[in-house]
N, C-alpha and C. Protein backbone atom coordinates (compact mmCIF):
# COMPACT_ATOMS: atom_id res chain seq x y z
N MET A 1 105.17 -140.85 177.50
CA MET A 1 106.21 -140.16 176.74
C MET A 1 106.72 -141.07 175.66
N SER A 2 106.84 -140.67 174.45
CA SER A 2 107.34 -141.47 173.40
C SER A 2 108.92 -141.66 173.61
N GLN A 3 109.53 -142.51 172.77
CA GLN A 3 110.86 -142.80 172.81
C GLN A 3 111.64 -141.51 172.41
N ILE A 4 112.53 -141.11 173.32
CA ILE A 4 113.40 -139.94 173.04
C ILE A 4 114.82 -140.36 173.22
N ASN A 5 115.73 -139.69 172.50
CA ASN A 5 117.09 -139.98 172.66
C ASN A 5 117.72 -139.29 173.90
N ALA A 6 118.96 -139.67 174.16
CA ALA A 6 119.63 -139.09 175.36
C ALA A 6 119.68 -137.56 175.28
N TYR A 7 120.09 -137.08 174.13
CA TYR A 7 120.12 -135.59 173.94
C TYR A 7 118.83 -134.95 174.21
N GLN A 8 117.73 -135.43 173.65
CA GLN A 8 116.40 -134.84 173.83
C GLN A 8 116.05 -134.88 175.28
N ARG A 9 116.23 -135.99 176.06
CA ARG A 9 116.00 -136.11 177.42
C ARG A 9 116.84 -135.10 178.25
N SER A 10 118.02 -134.99 177.92
CA SER A 10 118.93 -133.97 178.61
C SER A 10 118.37 -132.53 178.42
N GLU A 11 117.91 -132.22 177.22
CA GLU A 11 117.35 -130.89 176.92
C GLU A 11 116.00 -130.70 177.72
N LEU A 12 115.19 -131.68 177.76
CA LEU A 12 113.97 -131.68 178.39
C LEU A 12 114.22 -131.42 179.94
N LEU A 13 115.14 -132.15 180.54
CA LEU A 13 115.41 -132.00 181.91
C LEU A 13 115.89 -130.61 182.25
N LYS A 14 116.85 -130.14 181.36
CA LYS A 14 117.40 -128.72 181.56
C LYS A 14 116.33 -127.67 181.43
N ASP A 15 115.47 -127.76 180.48
CA ASP A 15 114.53 -126.72 180.23
C ASP A 15 113.42 -126.80 181.29
N PHE A 16 113.06 -127.94 181.79
CA PHE A 16 112.11 -127.96 182.83
C PHE A 16 112.73 -127.38 184.17
N SER A 17 114.00 -127.77 184.41
CA SER A 17 114.73 -127.28 185.60
C SER A 17 114.76 -125.72 185.60
N LEU A 18 115.09 -125.18 184.44
CA LEU A 18 115.12 -123.68 184.38
C LEU A 18 113.77 -123.07 184.60
N ARG A 19 112.71 -123.63 184.12
CA ARG A 19 111.42 -123.07 184.31
C ARG A 19 111.00 -123.19 185.79
N LEU A 20 111.28 -124.33 186.42
CA LEU A 20 111.01 -124.48 187.86
C LEU A 20 111.80 -123.55 188.74
N GLN A 21 113.12 -123.31 188.38
CA GLN A 21 113.93 -122.37 189.05
C GLN A 21 113.35 -121.01 189.00
N GLN A 22 112.87 -120.60 187.79
CA GLN A 22 112.31 -119.24 187.56
C GLN A 22 111.05 -119.12 188.46
N ALA A 23 110.22 -120.12 188.39
CA ALA A 23 108.90 -120.08 189.16
C ALA A 23 109.26 -119.96 190.68
N VAL A 24 110.21 -120.71 191.19
CA VAL A 24 110.53 -120.70 192.60
C VAL A 24 111.04 -119.34 192.94
N GLU A 25 111.91 -118.70 192.02
CA GLU A 25 112.47 -117.37 192.30
C GLU A 25 111.34 -116.29 192.38
N ARG A 26 110.26 -116.52 191.65
CA ARG A 26 109.16 -115.49 191.72
C ARG A 26 108.14 -115.84 192.75
N SER A 27 108.32 -116.90 193.57
CA SER A 27 107.36 -117.32 194.49
C SER A 27 107.69 -116.90 195.94
N ILE A 28 106.76 -117.15 196.86
CA ILE A 28 106.95 -117.01 198.20
C ILE A 28 108.03 -117.91 198.81
N TYR A 29 108.43 -118.95 198.06
CA TYR A 29 109.41 -119.93 198.47
C TYR A 29 110.80 -119.46 198.18
N LYS A 30 110.96 -118.38 197.49
CA LYS A 30 112.27 -117.89 197.15
C LYS A 30 113.32 -117.93 198.23
N ASP A 31 112.89 -117.30 199.34
CA ASP A 31 113.97 -117.16 200.47
C ASP A 31 113.77 -118.20 201.62
N LEU A 32 112.89 -119.18 201.30
CA LEU A 32 112.72 -120.27 202.29
C LEU A 32 113.54 -121.53 201.94
N GLU A 33 113.72 -122.26 202.91
CA GLU A 33 114.37 -123.54 202.70
C GLU A 33 113.58 -124.49 201.69
N GLN A 34 114.30 -125.19 200.93
CA GLN A 34 113.71 -126.06 199.93
C GLN A 34 112.81 -127.07 200.66
N GLY A 35 113.08 -127.38 201.85
CA GLY A 35 112.19 -128.30 202.63
C GLY A 35 110.76 -127.81 202.67
N LYS A 36 110.52 -126.52 202.81
CA LYS A 36 109.15 -125.93 202.94
C LYS A 36 108.44 -126.23 201.64
N LEU A 37 109.08 -125.97 200.44
CA LEU A 37 108.40 -126.23 199.27
C LEU A 37 108.16 -127.75 199.01
N SER A 38 109.17 -128.57 199.35
CA SER A 38 109.08 -129.99 199.19
C SER A 38 107.95 -130.58 200.04
N GLU A 39 107.75 -129.96 201.19
CA GLU A 39 106.71 -130.41 202.11
C GLU A 39 105.28 -130.11 201.44
N ARG A 40 105.22 -128.92 200.92
CA ARG A 40 103.91 -128.47 200.23
C ARG A 40 103.64 -129.43 199.03
N ILE A 41 104.69 -129.72 198.29
CA ILE A 41 104.45 -130.59 197.08
C ILE A 41 104.33 -132.06 197.59
N ASP A 42 104.73 -132.49 198.79
CA ASP A 42 104.69 -133.78 199.35
C ASP A 42 105.65 -134.70 198.67
N VAL A 43 106.92 -134.19 198.60
CA VAL A 43 108.03 -134.97 197.97
C VAL A 43 109.25 -134.77 198.84
N SER A 44 110.16 -135.60 198.78
CA SER A 44 111.42 -135.43 199.57
C SER A 44 112.15 -134.19 199.03
N ARG A 45 113.05 -133.74 199.89
CA ARG A 45 113.97 -132.58 199.48
C ARG A 45 114.88 -133.11 198.32
N GLN A 46 115.26 -134.32 198.36
CA GLN A 46 116.10 -134.82 197.31
C GLN A 46 115.37 -134.84 195.99
N ALA A 47 114.08 -135.19 195.97
CA ALA A 47 113.39 -135.19 194.72
C ALA A 47 113.26 -133.77 194.16
N LEU A 48 113.03 -132.80 194.99
CA LEU A 48 112.84 -131.40 194.57
C LEU A 48 114.21 -130.89 194.12
N ARG A 49 115.21 -131.27 194.78
CA ARG A 49 116.55 -130.91 194.40
C ARG A 49 116.96 -131.46 193.02
N LYS A 50 116.64 -132.71 192.72
CA LYS A 50 116.85 -133.28 191.41
C LYS A 50 116.08 -132.56 190.29
N TRP A 51 114.82 -132.16 190.61
CA TRP A 51 114.05 -131.37 189.61
C TRP A 51 114.79 -130.12 189.28
N LEU A 52 115.21 -129.43 190.38
CA LEU A 52 115.86 -128.15 190.18
C LEU A 52 117.23 -128.16 189.57
N GLN A 53 117.87 -129.26 189.77
CA GLN A 53 119.24 -129.48 189.09
C GLN A 53 119.17 -130.06 187.69
N GLY A 54 117.92 -130.42 187.24
CA GLY A 54 117.82 -131.05 185.97
C GLY A 54 118.21 -132.51 185.81
N LYS A 55 118.00 -133.19 187.03
CA LYS A 55 118.43 -134.58 187.01
C LYS A 55 117.24 -135.52 186.98
N ALA A 56 116.06 -134.99 187.13
CA ALA A 56 114.82 -135.74 187.13
C ALA A 56 113.61 -134.90 186.87
N LEU A 57 112.54 -135.43 186.47
CA LEU A 57 111.28 -134.80 186.21
C LEU A 57 110.18 -135.28 187.28
N PRO A 58 109.31 -134.40 187.63
CA PRO A 58 108.21 -134.89 188.47
C PRO A 58 107.23 -135.59 187.57
N SER A 59 106.35 -136.40 188.20
CA SER A 59 105.45 -137.14 187.43
C SER A 59 104.37 -136.12 186.85
N GLN A 60 103.76 -136.50 185.77
CA GLN A 60 102.77 -135.64 185.16
C GLN A 60 101.63 -135.37 186.07
N ALA A 61 101.31 -136.32 186.92
CA ALA A 61 100.25 -136.19 187.94
C ALA A 61 100.57 -135.12 189.02
N ARG A 62 101.83 -134.83 189.18
CA ARG A 62 102.31 -133.93 190.17
C ARG A 62 102.44 -132.46 189.64
N LEU A 63 102.50 -132.28 188.37
CA LEU A 63 102.66 -131.00 187.74
C LEU A 63 101.52 -130.01 188.11
N PRO A 64 100.30 -130.37 188.06
CA PRO A 64 99.22 -129.39 188.40
C PRO A 64 99.33 -128.88 189.83
N LEU A 65 99.79 -129.71 190.79
CA LEU A 65 99.96 -129.39 192.22
C LEU A 65 101.17 -128.27 192.24
N ILE A 66 102.22 -128.60 191.60
CA ILE A 66 103.35 -127.71 191.56
C ILE A 66 103.00 -126.30 190.96
N ALA A 67 102.31 -126.30 189.88
CA ALA A 67 101.85 -125.13 189.18
C ALA A 67 100.94 -124.35 190.15
N ASP A 68 100.03 -125.04 190.85
CA ASP A 68 99.16 -124.32 191.77
C ASP A 68 99.86 -123.78 192.96
N ILE A 69 100.78 -124.46 193.52
CA ILE A 69 101.54 -123.99 194.68
C ILE A 69 102.37 -122.84 194.28
N LEU A 70 102.96 -122.81 193.12
CA LEU A 70 103.86 -121.67 192.68
C LEU A 70 103.09 -120.53 191.97
N ASN A 71 101.72 -120.81 191.80
CA ASN A 71 100.91 -119.80 191.23
C ASN A 71 101.26 -119.50 189.76
N ILE A 72 101.58 -120.49 188.98
CA ILE A 72 101.96 -120.33 187.50
C ILE A 72 101.10 -121.23 186.70
N ASN A 73 101.18 -120.92 185.42
CA ASN A 73 100.41 -121.67 184.40
C ASN A 73 101.00 -123.10 184.29
N LEU A 74 100.17 -124.07 184.31
CA LEU A 74 100.51 -125.44 184.17
C LEU A 74 101.14 -125.70 182.76
N ILE A 75 100.57 -125.17 181.69
CA ILE A 75 101.07 -125.34 180.38
C ILE A 75 102.53 -124.80 180.24
N TRP A 76 102.84 -123.63 180.84
CA TRP A 76 104.14 -123.07 180.81
C TRP A 76 105.08 -123.95 181.61
N LEU A 77 104.69 -124.38 182.79
CA LEU A 77 105.60 -125.23 183.54
C LEU A 77 105.89 -126.55 182.82
N ALA A 78 104.94 -127.07 182.22
CA ALA A 78 105.12 -128.33 181.46
C ALA A 78 105.80 -128.27 180.23
N THR A 79 105.58 -127.18 179.46
CA THR A 79 106.11 -127.13 178.08
C THR A 79 106.94 -125.89 177.74
N GLY A 80 106.85 -124.85 178.56
CA GLY A 80 107.37 -123.59 178.30
C GLY A 80 106.71 -122.72 177.35
N GLU A 81 105.48 -123.19 176.95
CA GLU A 81 104.68 -122.36 176.00
C GLU A 81 103.74 -121.52 176.82
N GLY A 82 103.48 -120.31 176.33
CA GLY A 82 102.51 -119.44 176.87
C GLY A 82 103.23 -118.61 177.93
N LEU A 83 102.37 -118.01 178.79
CA LEU A 83 102.82 -117.13 179.83
C LEU A 83 103.12 -117.88 181.10
N MET A 84 104.14 -117.42 181.86
CA MET A 84 104.44 -118.02 183.12
C MET A 84 103.37 -117.83 184.21
N SER A 85 102.97 -116.66 184.39
CA SER A 85 102.04 -116.25 185.43
C SER A 85 100.55 -116.53 185.07
N LYS A 86 99.81 -116.94 185.97
CA LYS A 86 98.39 -117.17 185.61
C LYS A 86 97.79 -115.84 185.35
N HIS A 87 98.34 -114.75 185.85
CA HIS A 87 97.67 -113.39 185.74
C HIS A 87 98.26 -112.48 184.73
N GLU A 88 99.34 -112.81 183.96
CA GLU A 88 99.93 -112.01 183.02
C GLU A 88 99.07 -111.82 181.81
N ASP A 89 98.08 -112.75 181.54
CA ASP A 89 97.30 -112.70 180.43
C ASP A 89 96.09 -111.78 180.64
N ILE A 90 95.91 -111.28 181.83
CA ILE A 90 94.75 -110.41 182.10
C ILE A 90 95.17 -108.97 181.74
N ILE A 91 94.37 -108.44 180.95
CA ILE A 91 94.70 -107.00 180.52
C ILE A 91 93.60 -106.14 181.15
N ILE A 92 94.07 -105.18 181.87
CA ILE A 92 93.17 -104.26 182.52
C ILE A 92 93.05 -102.99 181.75
N ASN A 93 91.85 -102.59 181.33
CA ASN A 93 91.60 -101.37 180.57
C ASN A 93 91.59 -100.21 181.62
N THR A 94 92.61 -99.31 181.46
CA THR A 94 92.66 -98.18 182.42
C THR A 94 92.16 -96.89 181.67
N ASP A 95 91.74 -97.03 180.43
CA ASP A 95 91.29 -95.89 179.74
C ASP A 95 89.91 -95.42 180.36
N ASN A 96 89.69 -94.12 180.46
CA ASN A 96 88.51 -93.60 181.01
C ASN A 96 87.43 -93.36 179.86
N ALA A 97 87.76 -93.61 178.60
CA ALA A 97 86.94 -93.31 177.49
C ALA A 97 86.00 -94.41 177.24
């Protein structure tokens, strides 16, 4: 990551935190203890809590695992661009014509 100022870092942390919170809310981990998700990601509860609170970011190497576990698009998780769900971009033609 290139040099960023404190404001940019704060915004990056906040934005990632909000995306991660959204993803968890839409996942099977919504009503489970954070410990279950942190175990799956193979990080401490404290690390997961920091990500969710906007106090830290996961490593770039860990992002694909998080996206896979939460069944979301990696690009959306990392940048906020595109669709959240891996399946929202699939359009099913229901026309009989």
